[in-house]
């Protein structure tokens, strides 16, 4: 990636760039089927846009009905679809089947081939994860982009493990751990942690992530809250009680709010007291998301209304 050029207009600068898949979620529920724009990275980008963060998404979609739906969805949150993102013959889909408890299982129809186009400027935060970091040939392009920029900005990573799309456990673990030195913040769900490290406790998993170079390791545990750890501190954040409509997009909403908090705190973000507040904010965002159907993360106004200490981005002004 190239560094921003002196004199570039402020509105052309992006505070966050997300790299990864965008697709259409087809949700089969007892009351019928409905389609939503989705894909973990696209959900994170959308969540960031809803929170007022200047965000761009580098992805791969087609010039078809599904691709248009995704583009319009992202634009509604102010997310910029970056050049090179319309590169596929058809847009990917994921079929989610909801269980009685609101949890979802997935079947995918996806090809991942990312155009070799680097964003024009270095953002404050670069986020990636999910299928985009595992599925060839696009995964190698994602890695190249991380290698180019990880010393110039904060890199966040959520592997969002989808076993049906991965090779062997050993291959997936190697791909995952090879990316860790290129990242600063790594978030796993407890299901991700269990799949990647079946013999380790959550405490042992965050220790391993920190040993591989992460500055902040996070494991979300649904109703049991989340574990946050840095090399110097670790603490648990309780979940926020709510009535669950479904869990689609909950982890992505948490990730977006986590990035939002890191941006808001700047250089002080990794101080334990600040991280605790950031973790509480992310828990609140996830609770709002699961209280309503689909990947529908909160706006900054909705999140502020439920926080005792509102976090407004100092740069999010027009």
Protein backbone atom coordinates (compact mmCIF):
# COMPACT_ATOMS: atom_id res chain seq x y z
CA UNK A 1 0.00 0.00 0.00
CA UNK A 2 1.06 3.54 -0.59
CA UNK A 3 1.08 6.11 2.18
CA UNK A 4 -1.35 9.04 1.91
CA UNK A 5 0.06 11.84 -0.21
CA UNK A 6 0.55 15.26 1.41
CA UNK A 7 -2.32 17.57 0.67
CA UNK A 8 -4.87 14.79 0.07
CA UNK A 9 -8.40 15.96 0.89
CA UNK A 10 -9.46 14.80 4.36
CA UNK A 11 -12.68 13.29 3.03
CA UNK A 12 -10.69 10.98 0.73
CA UNK A 13 -8.96 9.35 3.70
CA UNK A 14 -10.46 6.20 5.16
CA UNK A 15 -10.10 5.45 8.84
CA UNK A 16 -10.77 1.73 8.34
CA UNK A 17 -10.38 -0.61 5.39
CA UNK A 18 -11.86 -4.09 5.48
CA UNK A 19 -10.60 -6.81 3.15
CA UNK A 20 -12.72 -9.92 2.65
CA UNK A 21 -15.78 -11.58 1.23
CA UNK A 22 -19.21 -10.10 0.70
CA UNK A 23 -22.09 -12.43 -0.10
CA UNK A 24 -25.82 -12.95 0.19
CA UNK A 25 -27.08 -14.81 3.27
CA UNK A 26 -30.16 -16.87 2.47
CA UNK A 27 -31.77 -17.57 5.84
CA UNK A 28 -34.08 -20.56 6.23
CA UNK A 29 -36.20 -20.22 9.35
CA UNK A 30 -39.37 -21.98 10.52
CA UNK A 31 -41.46 -19.04 9.33
CA UNK A 32 -39.88 -18.97 5.85
CA UNK A 33 -36.80 -17.79 3.94
CA UNK A 34 -35.32 -14.32 3.57
CA UNK A 35 -32.12 -12.95 2.03
CA UNK A 36 -29.66 -10.49 3.56
CA UNK A 37 -26.37 -9.02 2.34
CA UNK A 38 -23.69 -10.63 4.47
CA UNK A 39 -20.24 -12.16 4.74
CA UNK A 40 -18.26 -11.56 7.92
CA UNK A 41 -15.88 -8.87 6.54
CA UNK A 42 -18.74 -7.07 4.78
CA UNK A 43 -20.75 -7.20 8.00
CA UNK A 44 -17.83 -5.65 9.90
CA UNK A 45 -17.50 -2.90 7.28
CA UNK A 46 -21.23 -2.23 7.46
CA UNK A 47 -21.10 -2.15 11.26
CA UNK A 48 -18.24 0.33 11.19
CA UNK A 49 -20.12 2.53 8.74
CA UNK A 50 -23.20 2.49 10.98
CA UNK A 51 -20.98 3.65 13.84
CA UNK A 52 -19.76 6.64 11.83
CA UNK A 53 -16.32 5.32 10.90
CA UNK A 54 -15.08 6.27 7.43
CA UNK A 55 -14.80 2.78 5.97
CA UNK A 56 -13.90 1.12 2.69
CA UNK A 57 -14.37 -2.53 1.68
CA UNK A 58 -12.10 -4.39 -0.74
CA UNK A 59 -14.00 -7.50 -1.78
CA UNK A 60 -15.08 -9.60 -4.79
CA UNK A 61 -18.68 -9.52 -6.02
CA UNK A 62 -20.36 -9.90 -9.38
CA UNK A 63 -22.24 -7.42 -11.57
CA UNK A 64 -25.51 -9.17 -10.84
CA UNK A 65 -28.61 -8.72 -8.71
CA UNK A 66 -26.91 -10.00 -5.58
CA UNK A 67 -23.90 -7.75 -6.17
CA UNK A 68 -26.13 -4.72 -6.60
CA UNK A 69 -27.95 -5.56 -3.36
CA UNK A 70 -24.64 -5.75 -1.49
CA UNK A 71 -23.37 -2.49 -2.99
CA UNK A 72 -26.58 -0.64 -2.09
CA UNK A 73 -26.52 -2.12 1.42
CA UNK A 74 -22.97 -0.92 2.04
CA UNK A 75 -23.68 2.51 0.59
CA UNK A 76 -26.63 2.89 2.97
CA UNK A 77 -24.10 2.85 5.83
CA UNK A 78 -21.64 5.13 4.05
CA UNK A 79 -19.20 2.31 3.26
CA UNK A 80 -17.11 2.82 0.13
CA UNK A 81 -16.74 -0.18 -2.19
CA UNK A 82 -13.09 0.04 -3.25
CA UNK A 83 -11.87 -0.22 -6.87
CA UNK A 84 -11.43 -3.78 -8.10
CA UNK A 85 -14.23 -5.16 -5.93
CA UNK A 86 -16.60 -5.99 -8.81
CA UNK A 87 -14.52 -8.80 -10.28
CA UNK A 88 -16.55 -12.04 -10.21
CA UNK A 89 -18.96 -13.57 -12.69
CA UNK A 90 -21.48 -14.13 -9.90
CA UNK A 91 -21.83 -13.06 -6.30
CA UNK A 92 -21.36 -15.68 -3.60
CA UNK A 93 -24.17 -16.97 -1.37
CA UNK A 94 -24.38 -18.61 2.03
CA UNK A 95 -27.48 -20.49 3.12
CA UNK A 96 -28.06 -20.26 6.87
CA UNK A 97 -30.44 -22.65 8.61
CA UNK A 98 -31.66 -21.43 12.00
CA UNK A 99 -32.04 -23.77 14.96
CA UNK A 100 -34.66 -23.34 17.66
CA UNK A 101 -32.20 -21.40 19.87
CA UNK A 102 -31.46 -18.89 17.09
CA UNK A 103 -28.03 -20.31 16.23
CA UNK A 104 -27.17 -20.80 12.55
CA UNK A 105 -25.45 -23.45 10.42
CA UNK A 106 -24.18 -22.55 6.94
CA UNK A 107 -23.78 -23.96 3.42
CA UNK A 108 -21.70 -21.90 0.98
CA UNK A 109 -21.56 -21.28 -2.76
CA UNK A 110 -18.47 -19.12 -3.01
CA UNK A 111 -15.40 -18.50 -5.15
CA UNK A 112 -12.78 -16.20 -3.65
CA UNK A 113 -10.41 -14.50 -6.05
CA UNK A 114 -9.43 -10.99 -5.01
CA UNK A 115 -8.21 -8.52 -7.61
CA UNK A 116 -4.57 -7.50 -7.16
CA UNK A 117 -5.46 -3.90 -6.35
CA UNK A 118 -4.06 -2.26 -3.23
CA UNK A 119 -6.02 0.54 -1.54
CA UNK A 120 -4.64 3.95 -2.52
CA UNK A 121 -3.92 5.05 1.08
CA UNK A 122 -3.02 3.51 4.41
CA UNK A 123 -5.95 3.56 6.86
CA UNK A 124 -5.72 3.79 10.63
CA UNK A 125 -7.08 0.24 10.90
CA UNK A 126 -7.02 -2.63 8.42
CA UNK A 127 -9.37 -5.51 9.20
CA UNK A 128 -9.59 -8.92 7.56
CA UNK A 129 -10.74 -12.41 8.34
CA UNK A 130 -13.11 -15.26 7.67
CA UNK A 131 -13.16 -17.18 4.37
CA UNK A 132 -10.96 -14.53 2.74
CA UNK A 133 -7.90 -15.59 4.74
CA UNK A 134 -8.24 -19.33 4.08
CA UNK A 135 -9.73 -19.91 0.63
CA UNK A 136 -7.37 -19.98 -2.38
CA UNK A 137 -6.52 -18.18 -4.52
CA UNK A 138 -7.72 -14.98 -2.82
CA UNK A 139 -6.13 -15.80 0.54
CA UNK A 140 -2.63 -15.29 -0.85
CA UNK A 141 -3.60 -11.81 -2.06
CA UNK A 142 -4.94 -10.94 1.40
CA UNK A 143 -1.66 -12.08 2.95
CA UNK A 144 0.32 -9.92 0.52
CA UNK A 145 -1.72 -6.87 1.48
CA UNK A 146 -1.13 -7.56 5.18
CA UNK A 147 2.60 -7.89 4.56
CA UNK A 148 2.59 -4.52 2.81
CA UNK A 149 0.76 -2.59 5.50
CA UNK A 150 1.06 -4.23 8.93
CA UNK A 151 3.88 -1.93 10.01
CA UNK A 152 1.94 1.18 8.95
CA UNK A 153 -1.43 0.69 10.64
CA UNK A 154 -3.32 -1.35 13.23
CA UNK A 155 -4.32 -4.75 11.82
CA UNK A 156 -7.30 -6.62 13.26
CA UNK A 157 -8.20 -10.22 12.41
CA UNK A 158 -11.21 -12.47 13.00
CA UNK A 159 -10.82 -15.95 11.42
CA UNK A 160 -14.56 -16.67 11.81
CA UNK A 161 -13.92 -20.38 11.22
CA UNK A 162 -16.18 -22.14 8.70
CA UNK A 163 -15.06 -25.82 8.80
CA UNK A 164 -17.06 -26.74 5.69
CA UNK A 165 -14.79 -24.48 3.59
CA UNK A 166 -11.46 -25.41 5.14
CA UNK A 167 -9.03 -28.19 4.41
CA UNK A 168 -7.63 -30.32 7.19
CA UNK A 169 -7.38 -28.98 10.73
CA UNK A 170 -3.58 -28.92 10.47
CA UNK A 171 -3.67 -26.90 7.24
CA UNK A 172 -6.16 -24.39 8.63
CA UNK A 173 -4.24 -23.96 11.88
CA UNK A 174 -1.03 -23.34 9.96
CA UNK A 175 -2.69 -20.72 7.75
CA UNK A 176 -4.18 -19.04 10.81
CA UNK A 177 -1.01 -18.95 12.88
CA UNK A 178 1.12 -17.82 9.93
CA UNK A 179 -0.98 -14.65 9.75
CA UNK A 180 -0.73 -13.81 13.45
CA UNK A 181 2.67 -12.06 13.25
CA UNK A 182 1.10 -9.69 10.70
CA UNK A 183 -1.74 -8.71 13.04
CA UNK A 184 -2.20 -6.64 16.21
CA UNK A 185 -5.68 -7.66 17.40
CA UNK A 186 -7.14 -11.16 17.04
CA UNK A 187 -10.72 -12.08 17.96
CA UNK A 188 -12.07 -15.63 18.15
CA UNK A 189 -15.45 -16.92 19.15
CA UNK A 190 -15.36 -19.72 21.70
CA UNK A 191 -16.39 -22.07 18.86
CA UNK A 192 -13.44 -20.84 16.76
CA UNK A 193 -11.08 -21.37 19.70
CA UNK A 194 -12.44 -24.86 20.35
CA UNK A 195 -12.07 -25.85 16.70
CA UNK A 196 -8.55 -24.45 16.31
CA UNK A 197 -7.27 -25.56 19.74
CA UNK A 198 -9.48 -28.41 21.00
CA UNK A 199 -7.09 -29.30 23.82
CA UNK A 200 -6.69 -25.78 25.22
CA UNK A 201 -8.77 -23.69 27.61
CA UNK A 202 -9.73 -20.14 26.59
CA UNK A 203 -6.99 -18.79 28.88
CA UNK A 204 -4.43 -21.02 27.20
CA UNK A 205 -5.69 -20.00 23.75
CA UNK A 206 -5.24 -16.27 24.39
CA UNK A 207 -1.77 -17.00 25.76
CA UNK A 208 -0.90 -18.80 22.55
CA UNK A 209 -2.22 -15.94 20.41
CA UNK A 210 -0.14 -13.44 22.38
CA UNK A 211 2.93 -15.66 22.02
CA UNK A 212 2.45 -15.57 18.25
CA UNK A 213 2.58 -11.77 18.24
CA UNK A 214 -0.92 -10.43 18.88
CA UNK A 215 -1.04 -7.31 21.05
CA UNK A 216 -4.65 -7.99 22.05
CA UNK A 217 -6.38 -11.38 22.02
CA UNK A 218 -10.15 -11.65 22.46
CA UNK A 219 -12.39 -14.68 22.85
CA UNK A 220 -16.13 -14.07 22.80
CA UNK A 221 -18.26 -16.61 24.66
CA UNK A 222 -21.84 -15.65 23.87
CA UNK A 223 -23.94 -15.41 27.02
CA UNK A 224 -20.80 -16.03 29.09
CA UNK A 225 -19.22 -12.76 28.02
CA UNK A 226 -15.72 -12.29 26.61
CA UNK A 227 -12.09 -12.71 27.61
CA UNK A 228 -9.67 -9.93 26.65
CA UNK A 229 -5.92 -10.29 27.08
CA UNK A 230 -2.77 -8.30 26.42
CA UNK A 231 0.79 -9.29 27.37
CA UNK A 232 0.33 -7.34 30.62
CA UNK A 233 -3.28 -7.91 31.62
CA UNK A 234 -6.36 -10.03 31.08
CA UNK A 235 -9.94 -9.66 32.23
CA UNK A 236 -13.47 -10.90 31.62
CA UNK A 237 -16.29 -8.74 30.31
CA UNK A 238 -19.84 -9.93 31.08
CA UNK A 239 -22.40 -10.20 28.32
CA UNK A 240 -25.42 -7.92 28.16
CA UNK A 241 -28.70 -9.73 28.79
CA UNK A 242 -31.22 -9.46 25.98
CA UNK A 243 -33.94 -11.42 24.20
CA UNK A 244 -32.34 -13.22 21.25
CA UNK A 245 -33.97 -13.05 17.82
CA UNK A 246 -31.01 -14.80 16.16
CA UNK A 247 -27.22 -14.71 16.39
CA UNK A 248 -26.49 -13.78 12.77
CA UNK A 249 -23.83 -11.07 12.63
CA UNK A 250 -23.33 -10.90 16.40
CA UNK A 251 -19.61 -11.58 16.25
CA UNK A 252 -19.19 -9.14 13.37
CA UNK A 253 -21.05 -6.45 15.29
CA UNK A 254 -18.78 -7.11 18.27
CA UNK A 255 -15.73 -6.83 15.99
CA UNK A 256 -16.93 -3.55 14.46
CA UNK A 257 -17.57 -2.05 17.89
CA UNK A 258 -14.16 -3.27 19.08
CA UNK A 259 -12.47 -1.51 16.16
CA UNK A 260 -14.63 1.57 16.79
CA UNK A 261 -13.42 1.67 20.39
CA UNK A 262 -9.77 1.20 19.43
CA UNK A 263 -10.05 4.09 16.97
CA UNK A 264 -11.77 6.31 19.52
CA UNK A 265 -9.11 5.70 22.17
CA UNK A 266 -6.12 6.05 19.86
CA UNK A 267 -2.76 5.52 21.55
CA UNK A 268 -4.44 4.87 24.91
CA UNK A 269 -6.57 2.00 23.58
CA UNK A 270 -4.40 -0.78 25.01
CA UNK A 271 -4.41 0.59 28.56
CA UNK A 272 -6.37 -1.95 30.66
CA UNK A 273 -9.01 0.53 31.83
CA UNK A 274 -9.63 1.65 28.25
CA UNK A 275 -9.80 -1.94 27.00
CA UNK A 276 -12.38 -2.78 29.64
CA UNK A 277 -14.59 0.07 28.43
CA UNK A 278 -14.04 -0.95 24.80
CA UNK A 279 -15.01 -4.52 25.67
CA UNK A 280 -18.19 -3.35 27.38
CA UNK A 281 -19.10 -1.28 24.32
CA UNK A 282 -18.56 -4.26 22.02
CA UNK A 283 -20.72 -6.45 24.28
CA UNK A 284 -23.50 -3.89 24.11
CA UNK A 285 -23.28 -3.72 20.32
CA UNK A 286 -23.53 -7.51 20.03
CA UNK A 287 -26.54 -7.54 22.37
CA UNK A 288 -28.36 -5.00 20.23
CA UNK A 289 -27.62 -7.05 17.11
CA UNK A 290 -28.91 -10.38 18.47
CA UNK A 291 -32.09 -8.70 19.69
CA UNK A 292 -33.28 -8.23 16.08
CA UNK A 293 -33.24 -10.46 12.99
CA UNK A 294 -30.28 -10.67 10.63
CA UNK A 295 -26.93 -8.89 10.62
CA UNK A 296 -28.38 -5.57 11.76
CA UNK A 297 -25.74 -3.79 13.89
CA UNK A 298 -26.43 -0.64 15.89
CA UNK A 299 -25.91 2.92 14.76
CA UNK A 300 -23.71 5.16 16.87
CA UNK A 301 -26.86 6.83 18.23
CA UNK A 302 -28.35 3.48 19.28
CA UNK A 303 -25.13 2.44 20.95
CA UNK A 304 -24.63 5.76 22.72
CA UNK A 305 -28.18 5.62 24.06
CA UNK A 306 -27.36 2.44 26.00
CA UNK A 307 -23.86 3.31 27.21
CA UNK A 308 -23.02 4.99 30.50
CA UNK A 309 -19.89 6.43 28.88
CA UNK A 310 -20.59 7.30 25.23
CA UNK A 311 -17.59 6.87 22.91
CA UNK A 312 -17.71 9.37 20.09
CA UNK A 313 -14.97 9.29 17.51
CA UNK A 314 -12.99 12.53 17.72
CA UNK A 315 -12.49 12.53 13.96
CA UNK A 316 -16.06 11.63 12.96
CA UNK A 317 -17.11 15.18 12.13
CA UNK A 318 -18.06 16.67 8.78
